[in-house]
């Protein structure tokens, strides 16, 4: 049994336990997670129907049939041609599966036009979101997923080391130039594309947590926030380091960096099964608040990472969600001083039986 089929069976058990008749997906990360078929949304009707009992059914345009058979373990594949009515094809599958007058979940990101056609095809049915069933499954990574995440982390680690080696050579580059260089380094190190655009925030730009990059020139003594990742076998890395490539940093920088570094380490140390996500956020936040920078820590401590860079579990204040073995998420405390500089340190961790495993191994210090 493939990992994809195991996930489908686990999903069906959850559907049955919650008295849900079926799940309907379209091209999305959820569809890949359950079938292995990877495709972007398009203009044509392409659905996976997963009943709570029995075999899943793909309804796909004819031009996708060979691709779906090659990439997916699902054997029941029904097609419609460009001369056919996709709504009628949808209604036929719905009828075969007996889905009228029940409870059906649809993909959270399904386009409105396709959701509208499903509502017309499945009469008198209660609709909900697929995430209520799929997200808890995706939050606990299996061995194949963890292997991909570790390898993606190794690529990011290799690039961090290459960036540190630049030293003074980075001074005089624009943020945009350094961002493009990071993308090239990720590809050279074995990355398979980027899950998000690199963040290169130098000097005052680093005080904006989601500043991407612009034409500001990196100067000697600038703290530079570097946040980037890549994908390996569909799974991403996400790592942040704040460095100074050369020169003397601002007077307060070393103090701020030490506080963030300590908050980062304290939060990782607090991770273990059964601890709540809110407690992890609190562990990092208390270090920063005790140092007098609480108002400058303006975002959550972390987010789950999987097929999506941001997914469950979210490491946010007051969350009572208990962490479980196999959860993967970021630990990324930060302090941001407007018009001066910012500091953020981020690693991914996986919850283990007795604590946490860092998926990144590079040092967290600021010196190159």
Protein backbone atom coordinates (compact mmCIF):
# COMPACT_ATOMS: atom_id res chain seq x y z
CA UNK A 1 0.00 0.00 0.00
CA UNK A 2 1.42 3.38 -0.99
CA UNK A 3 1.60 6.30 1.46
CA UNK A 4 -1.15 7.99 -0.58
CA UNK A 5 -3.51 5.02 -0.22
CA UNK A 6 -2.80 4.79 3.51
CA UNK A 7 -3.77 8.45 3.83
CA UNK A 8 -7.01 7.82 1.93
CA UNK A 9 -7.98 4.96 4.23
CA UNK A 10 -7.23 7.11 7.29
CA UNK A 11 -9.34 9.89 5.77
CA UNK A 12 -12.23 7.49 5.13
CA UNK A 13 -12.15 6.30 8.72
CA UNK A 14 -12.39 9.88 9.88
CA UNK A 15 -15.24 10.60 7.44
CA UNK A 16 -17.18 7.61 8.71
CA UNK A 17 -16.59 8.50 12.36
CA UNK A 18 -17.99 12.00 11.76
CA UNK A 19 -20.97 10.77 9.68
CA UNK A 20 -19.77 12.48 6.51
CA UNK A 21 -20.73 10.85 3.22
CA UNK A 22 -17.90 12.01 0.98
CA UNK A 23 -15.06 14.37 0.30
CA UNK A 24 -14.78 16.15 -3.07
CA UNK A 25 -11.41 17.62 -4.05
CA UNK A 26 -10.07 19.46 -7.07
CA UNK A 27 -6.45 20.29 -8.03
CA UNK A 28 -4.85 21.31 -4.74
CA UNK A 29 -2.36 20.21 -2.11
CA UNK A 30 -5.12 18.09 -0.58
CA UNK A 31 -5.56 16.24 -3.87
CA UNK A 32 -1.83 15.54 -4.12
CA UNK A 33 -1.72 14.45 -0.45
CA UNK A 34 -4.31 11.74 -1.03
CA UNK A 35 -3.60 10.62 -4.60
CA UNK A 36 -0.10 11.63 -5.72
CA UNK A 37 -1.59 13.54 -8.66
CA UNK A 38 -0.11 17.03 -8.87
CA UNK A 39 -1.80 19.62 -11.06
CA UNK A 40 -2.71 23.28 -10.91
CA UNK A 41 -6.37 24.37 -11.03
CA UNK A 42 -7.67 24.95 -14.52
CA UNK A 43 -10.80 25.76 -16.49
CA UNK A 44 -12.02 22.16 -16.77
CA UNK A 45 -13.95 20.10 -14.22
CA UNK A 46 -11.50 17.76 -12.46
CA UNK A 47 -12.70 16.17 -9.23
CA UNK A 48 -11.76 13.40 -6.85
CA UNK A 49 -14.80 11.90 -5.10
CA UNK A 50 -13.85 10.08 -1.92
CA UNK A 51 -16.83 8.31 -0.29
CA UNK A 52 -16.63 7.28 3.35
CA UNK A 53 -16.76 3.65 2.15
CA UNK A 54 -15.54 2.08 -1.07
CA UNK A 55 -13.06 3.25 -3.67
CA UNK A 56 -12.30 6.84 -4.67
CA UNK A 57 -13.40 8.02 -8.11
CA UNK A 58 -11.57 10.48 -10.35
CA UNK A 59 -13.61 12.52 -12.82
CA UNK A 60 -11.15 14.10 -15.26
CA UNK A 61 -11.04 15.63 -18.73
CA UNK A 62 -9.96 13.08 -21.34
CA UNK A 63 -6.67 14.87 -21.95
CA UNK A 64 -5.66 14.16 -18.33
CA UNK A 65 -6.46 10.45 -18.25
CA UNK A 66 -2.99 9.14 -19.10
CA UNK A 67 -1.33 11.55 -16.70
CA UNK A 68 -3.66 10.64 -13.83
CA UNK A 69 -3.13 6.91 -14.38
CA UNK A 70 0.63 7.41 -14.38
CA UNK A 71 0.80 9.58 -11.25
CA UNK A 72 -2.00 8.27 -9.05
CA UNK A 73 -2.84 4.94 -7.40
CA UNK A 74 -6.59 5.52 -7.96
CA UNK A 75 -7.94 3.02 -10.50
CA UNK A 76 -11.53 4.23 -11.03
CA UNK A 77 -10.99 7.06 -13.49
CA UNK A 78 -13.94 8.45 -15.44
CA UNK A 79 -13.50 10.93 -18.24
CA UNK A 80 -15.40 13.52 -20.19
CA UNK A 81 -14.44 15.10 -23.51
CA UNK A 82 -14.42 18.69 -24.64
CA UNK A 83 -17.60 17.98 -26.62
CA UNK A 84 -19.35 16.64 -23.50
CA UNK A 85 -21.20 18.45 -20.74
CA UNK A 86 -19.01 18.30 -17.59
CA UNK A 87 -22.02 19.08 -15.41
CA UNK A 88 -23.78 15.95 -16.70
CA UNK A 89 -20.61 13.91 -16.09
CA UNK A 90 -20.49 15.26 -12.53
CA UNK A 91 -24.14 14.40 -11.94
CA UNK A 92 -23.53 10.85 -13.18
CA UNK A 93 -20.76 10.24 -10.62
CA UNK A 94 -22.86 11.80 -7.86
CA UNK A 95 -25.73 9.47 -8.76
CA UNK A 96 -23.49 6.38 -8.87
CA UNK A 97 -22.13 7.18 -5.41
CA UNK A 98 -25.55 8.00 -3.98
CA UNK A 99 -24.47 11.33 -2.54
CA UNK A 100 -27.75 13.23 -2.60
CA UNK A 101 -29.37 14.17 0.72
CA UNK A 102 -26.26 13.78 2.86
CA UNK A 103 -23.17 15.58 4.14
CA UNK A 104 -20.29 16.36 1.76
CA UNK A 105 -17.03 18.23 2.30
CA UNK A 106 -15.41 20.19 -0.55
CA UNK A 107 -11.87 21.41 -0.99
CA UNK A 108 -11.31 24.69 0.86
CA UNK A 109 -9.68 26.26 -2.18
CA UNK A 110 -12.14 24.95 -4.80
CA UNK A 111 -13.08 27.68 -7.25
CA UNK A 112 -16.59 29.07 -6.87
CA UNK A 113 -17.73 27.96 -10.33
CA UNK A 114 -16.98 24.31 -9.52
CA UNK A 115 -18.53 24.52 -6.05
CA UNK A 116 -21.63 25.98 -7.67
CA UNK A 117 -21.88 23.05 -10.10
CA UNK A 118 -21.42 20.55 -7.27
CA UNK A 119 -24.20 22.18 -5.28
CA UNK A 120 -26.46 21.85 -8.30
CA UNK A 121 -25.50 18.19 -8.77
CA UNK A 122 -25.81 17.14 -5.13
CA UNK A 123 -29.30 18.14 -4.10
CA UNK A 124 -30.45 18.64 -0.51
CA UNK A 125 -26.93 18.12 0.83
CA UNK A 126 -25.13 19.79 3.71
CA UNK A 127 -21.74 21.14 2.62
CA UNK A 128 -18.61 21.71 4.68
CA UNK A 129 -14.89 22.21 4.23
CA UNK A 130 -12.41 19.41 3.56
CA UNK A 131 -9.94 20.89 6.04
CA UNK A 132 -12.05 19.70 8.97
CA UNK A 133 -11.02 16.14 8.08
CA UNK A 134 -7.84 16.45 6.02
CA UNK A 135 -5.95 19.10 8.02
CA UNK A 136 -5.57 16.96 11.17
CA UNK A 137 -4.19 14.13 9.02
CA UNK A 138 -1.77 16.42 7.20
CA UNK A 139 -0.55 17.86 10.50
CA UNK A 140 0.99 14.52 11.52
CA UNK A 141 3.74 13.78 9.02
CA UNK A 142 4.55 10.22 7.99
CA UNK A 143 8.06 8.88 7.33
CA UNK A 144 8.04 9.83 3.64
CA UNK A 145 7.06 13.40 4.44
CA UNK A 146 9.65 13.75 7.19
CA UNK A 147 12.36 12.46 4.88
CA UNK A 148 11.50 15.11 2.28
CA UNK A 149 11.36 17.85 4.93
CA UNK A 150 14.76 16.86 6.29
CA UNK A 151 16.31 16.95 2.83
CA UNK A 152 14.75 20.34 2.11
CA UNK A 153 16.22 21.55 5.41
CA UNK A 154 19.65 20.30 4.39
CA UNK A 155 19.46 22.35 1.18
CA UNK A 156 18.57 25.49 3.15
CA UNK A 157 21.41 24.78 5.59
CA UNK A 158 23.89 24.50 2.73
CA UNK A 159 22.78 27.87 1.37
CA UNK A 160 23.05 29.54 4.79
CA UNK A 161 26.68 28.39 4.95
CA UNK A 162 27.34 29.75 1.45
CA UNK A 163 25.84 33.10 2.41
CA UNK A 164 27.96 33.36 5.53
CA UNK A 165 31.05 32.70 3.43
CA UNK A 166 30.28 35.80 1.35
CA UNK A 167 31.20 38.14 4.22
CA UNK A 168 32.19 41.56 2.94
CA UNK A 169 31.39 40.53 -0.65
CA UNK A 170 27.69 41.04 0.13
CA UNK A 171 28.28 44.69 1.02
CA UNK A 172 27.29 46.88 -1.91
CA UNK A 173 24.79 44.38 -3.32
CA UNK A 174 21.14 45.36 -3.45
CA UNK A 175 18.59 43.27 -1.60
CA UNK A 176 17.18 42.19 -4.97
CA UNK A 177 20.58 41.02 -6.17
CA UNK A 178 21.13 39.00 -3.02
CA UNK A 179 17.63 37.49 -3.26
CA UNK A 180 18.32 36.35 -6.82
CA UNK A 181 21.66 34.92 -5.66
CA UNK A 182 19.86 32.96 -2.93
CA UNK A 183 17.49 31.47 -5.50
CA UNK A 184 20.45 30.35 -7.62
CA UNK A 185 22.21 28.84 -4.60
CA UNK A 186 19.09 26.89 -3.62
CA UNK A 187 18.87 25.39 -7.10
CA UNK A 188 22.59 24.54 -7.13
CA UNK A 189 22.24 22.81 -3.75
CA UNK A 190 19.47 20.54 -5.03
CA UNK A 191 16.34 22.52 -4.35
CA UNK A 192 13.29 22.04 -6.58
CA UNK A 193 11.88 25.55 -6.81
CA UNK A 194 10.96 27.97 -4.06
CA UNK A 195 7.78 27.84 -1.94
CA UNK A 196 7.90 31.59 -1.33
CA UNK A 197 9.99 34.52 -2.48
CA UNK A 198 13.14 35.06 -0.39
CA UNK A 199 13.08 37.80 2.22
CA UNK A 200 16.17 39.99 2.31
CA UNK A 201 15.54 42.82 4.78
CA UNK A 202 18.59 45.00 5.39
CA UNK A 203 18.85 47.78 7.97
CA UNK A 204 15.46 49.44 8.55
CA UNK A 205 13.80 47.13 6.00
CA UNK A 206 14.43 44.26 8.39
CA UNK A 207 12.01 45.87 10.86
CA UNK A 208 9.16 44.94 8.50
CA UNK A 209 8.61 41.18 9.05
CA UNK A 210 7.28 40.49 5.54
CA UNK A 211 9.38 42.93 3.58
CA UNK A 212 10.55 40.97 0.54
CA UNK A 213 13.43 42.88 -1.06
CA UNK A 214 14.02 46.06 -3.01
CA UNK A 215 16.87 48.09 -4.44
CA UNK A 216 18.28 49.18 -1.08
CA UNK A 217 22.04 48.66 -1.03
CA UNK A 218 23.39 46.51 1.81
CA UNK A 219 25.83 48.61 3.79
CA UNK A 220 28.58 47.68 6.24
CA UNK A 221 27.10 47.10 9.69
CA UNK A 222 23.57 46.45 8.40
CA UNK A 223 21.69 43.66 10.15
CA UNK A 224 20.15 41.60 7.32
CA UNK A 225 17.14 39.33 7.84
CA UNK A 226 17.40 36.34 5.47
CA UNK A 227 14.26 34.18 5.27
CA UNK A 228 14.04 31.56 2.51
CA UNK A 229 13.42 27.94 1.64
CA UNK A 230 13.11 25.44 -1.17
CA UNK A 231 11.14 22.31 -1.99
CA UNK A 232 12.27 18.68 -2.15
CA UNK A 233 9.70 16.11 -3.32
CA UNK A 234 6.95 18.71 -2.84
CA UNK A 235 7.89 19.56 0.77
CA UNK A 236 9.45 22.91 1.78
CA UNK A 237 12.11 24.22 4.06
CA UNK A 238 11.70 27.56 5.83
CA UNK A 239 14.67 29.04 7.66
CA UNK A 240 15.59 32.54 8.88
CA UNK A 241 18.91 33.93 10.02
CA UNK A 242 19.80 37.53 10.82
CA UNK A 243 23.43 38.31 9.96
CA UNK A 244 25.85 41.19 9.58
CA UNK A 245 28.11 40.67 6.57
CA UNK A 246 30.76 43.14 7.70
CA UNK A 247 31.32 46.25 9.77
CA UNK A 248 30.00 47.11 13.21
CA UNK A 249 26.26 46.63 13.81
CA UNK A 250 24.08 49.23 15.60
CA UNK A 251 24.71 49.56 19.32
CA UNK A 252 21.53 47.77 20.44
CA UNK A 253 21.72 45.00 17.84
CA UNK A 254 23.83 42.50 19.77
CA UNK A 255 21.52 42.74 22.78
CA UNK A 256 18.42 42.25 20.63
CA UNK A 257 19.94 39.32 18.75
CA UNK A 258 20.92 37.60 21.99
CA UNK A 259 17.35 37.94 23.30
CA UNK A 260 15.84 36.49 20.11
CA UNK A 261 18.40 33.68 20.07
CA UNK A 262 17.51 32.81 23.67
CA UNK A 263 13.75 32.93 22.94
CA UNK A 264 14.26 30.63 19.95
CA UNK A 265 16.23 28.09 22.00
CA UNK A 266 13.80 28.27 24.93
CA UNK A 267 10.79 27.58 22.71
CA UNK A 268 12.46 24.59 21.07
CA UNK A 269 13.39 23.21 24.48
CA UNK A 270 9.73 23.43 25.54
CA UNK A 271 8.47 21.24 22.67
CA UNK A 272 7.23 17.76 23.55
CA UNK A 273 4.09 15.70 22.95
CA UNK A 274 1.07 16.96 24.86
CA UNK A 275 2.34 20.50 25.33
CA UNK A 276 -0.02 23.07 23.84
CA UNK A 277 0.90 25.32 20.96
CA UNK A 278 0.06 28.25 23.22
CA UNK A 279 2.66 27.13 25.74
CA UNK A 280 5.36 27.12 23.04
CA UNK A 281 4.37 30.64 22.00
CA UNK A 282 4.46 31.67 25.66
CA UNK A 283 7.92 30.19 26.19
CA UNK A 284 9.37 32.39 23.44
CA UNK A 285 7.29 35.44 24.27
CA UNK A 286 8.16 35.52 27.96
CA UNK A 287 11.89 35.71 27.18
CA UNK A 288 11.31 38.68 24.91
CA UNK A 289 8.88 40.39 27.30
CA UNK A 290 11.22 39.96 30.26
CA UNK A 291 13.94 41.70 28.23
CA UNK A 292 11.64 44.67 27.63
CA UNK A 293 10.86 44.04 23.96
CA UNK A 294 7.38 42.51 24.23
CA UNK A 295 5.74 45.23 22.12
CA UNK A 296 8.26 44.61 19.35
CA UNK A 297 7.39 40.89 18.97
CA UNK A 298 4.40 41.43 16.69
CA UNK A 299 3.58 38.01 15.25
CA UNK A 300 2.96 34.42 16.34
CA UNK A 301 5.90 32.22 17.25
CA UNK A 302 5.37 29.76 14.41
CA UNK A 303 3.23 27.89 11.92
CA UNK A 304 2.87 24.35 10.71
CA UNK A 305 4.81 23.39 7.59
CA UNK A 306 4.00 20.63 5.11
CA UNK A 307 2.77 20.66 1.54
CA UNK A 308 1.76 24.23 2.35
CA UNK A 309 4.33 26.50 3.92
CA UNK A 310 1.65 27.73 6.33
CA UNK A 311 -0.69 25.06 7.69
CA UNK A 312 -1.71 23.51 11.01
CA UNK A 313 -0.62 23.56 13.78
CA UNK A 314 -0.24 27.30 14.38
CA UNK A 315 2.03 28.25 17.29
CA UNK A 316 -0.01 31.17 18.53
CA UNK A 317 -0.86 32.67 21.91
CA UNK A 318 -3.70 31.02 23.84
CA UNK A 319 -3.94 28.01 21.50
CA UNK A 320 -4.98 24.94 23.48
CA UNK A 321 -4.08 22.54 20.68
CA UNK A 322 -1.90 19.76 22.09
CA UNK A 323 1.15 18.93 20.00
CA UNK A 324 1.55 15.35 18.77
CA UNK A 325 4.40 13.23 17.49
CA UNK A 326 4.91 14.01 13.81
CA UNK A 327 3.78 17.64 13.96
CA UNK A 328 6.19 19.91 12.06
CA UNK A 329 6.22 23.66 12.60
CA UNK A 330 8.46 26.71 12.68
CA UNK A 331 9.88 28.41 15.76
CA UNK A 332 10.57 32.00 14.69
CA UNK A 333 10.56 34.68 17.38
CA UNK A 334 11.50 38.17 16.30
CA UNK A 335 12.05 41.71 17.52
CA UNK A 336 11.44 44.65 15.19
CA UNK A 337 12.59 48.20 15.91
CA UNK A 338 10.91 50.51 13.35
CA UNK A 339 13.27 52.59 11.20
CA UNK A 340 16.27 50.80 12.73
CA UNK A 341 16.50 47.02 12.18
CA UNK A 342 14.82 43.69 12.84
CA UNK A 343 16.01 40.32 14.13
CA UNK A 344 14.30 36.99 13.46
CA UNK A 345 15.64 33.45 13.89
CA UNK A 346 13.66 30.53 12.48
CA UNK A 347 14.05 26.77 12.35
CA UNK A 348 11.62 23.97 11.62
CA UNK A 349 11.14 21.31 14.27
CA UNK A 350 9.33 17.97 14.36
CA UNK A 351 7.75 16.71 17.57
CA UNK A 352 9.33 13.41 18.66
CA UNK A 353 8.48 10.95 21.42
CA UNK A 354 10.74 12.76 23.88
CA UNK A 355 10.97 16.32 22.61
CA UNK A 356 11.84 17.99 19.33
CA UNK A 357 14.18 17.42 16.40
CA UNK A 358 15.50 20.49 14.62
CA UNK A 359 15.29 20.13 10.86
CA UNK A 360 18.01 22.78 10.47
CA UNK A 361 21.53 22.45 11.81
CA UNK A 362 23.25 25.77 11.06
CA UNK A 363 24.35 28.07 13.87
CA UNK A 364 22.03 30.90 14.78
CA UNK A 365 24.66 33.57 15.44
CA UNK A 366 24.88 36.83 13.52
CA UNK A 367 28.55 36.97 12.59
CA UNK A 368 29.73 35.89 9.15
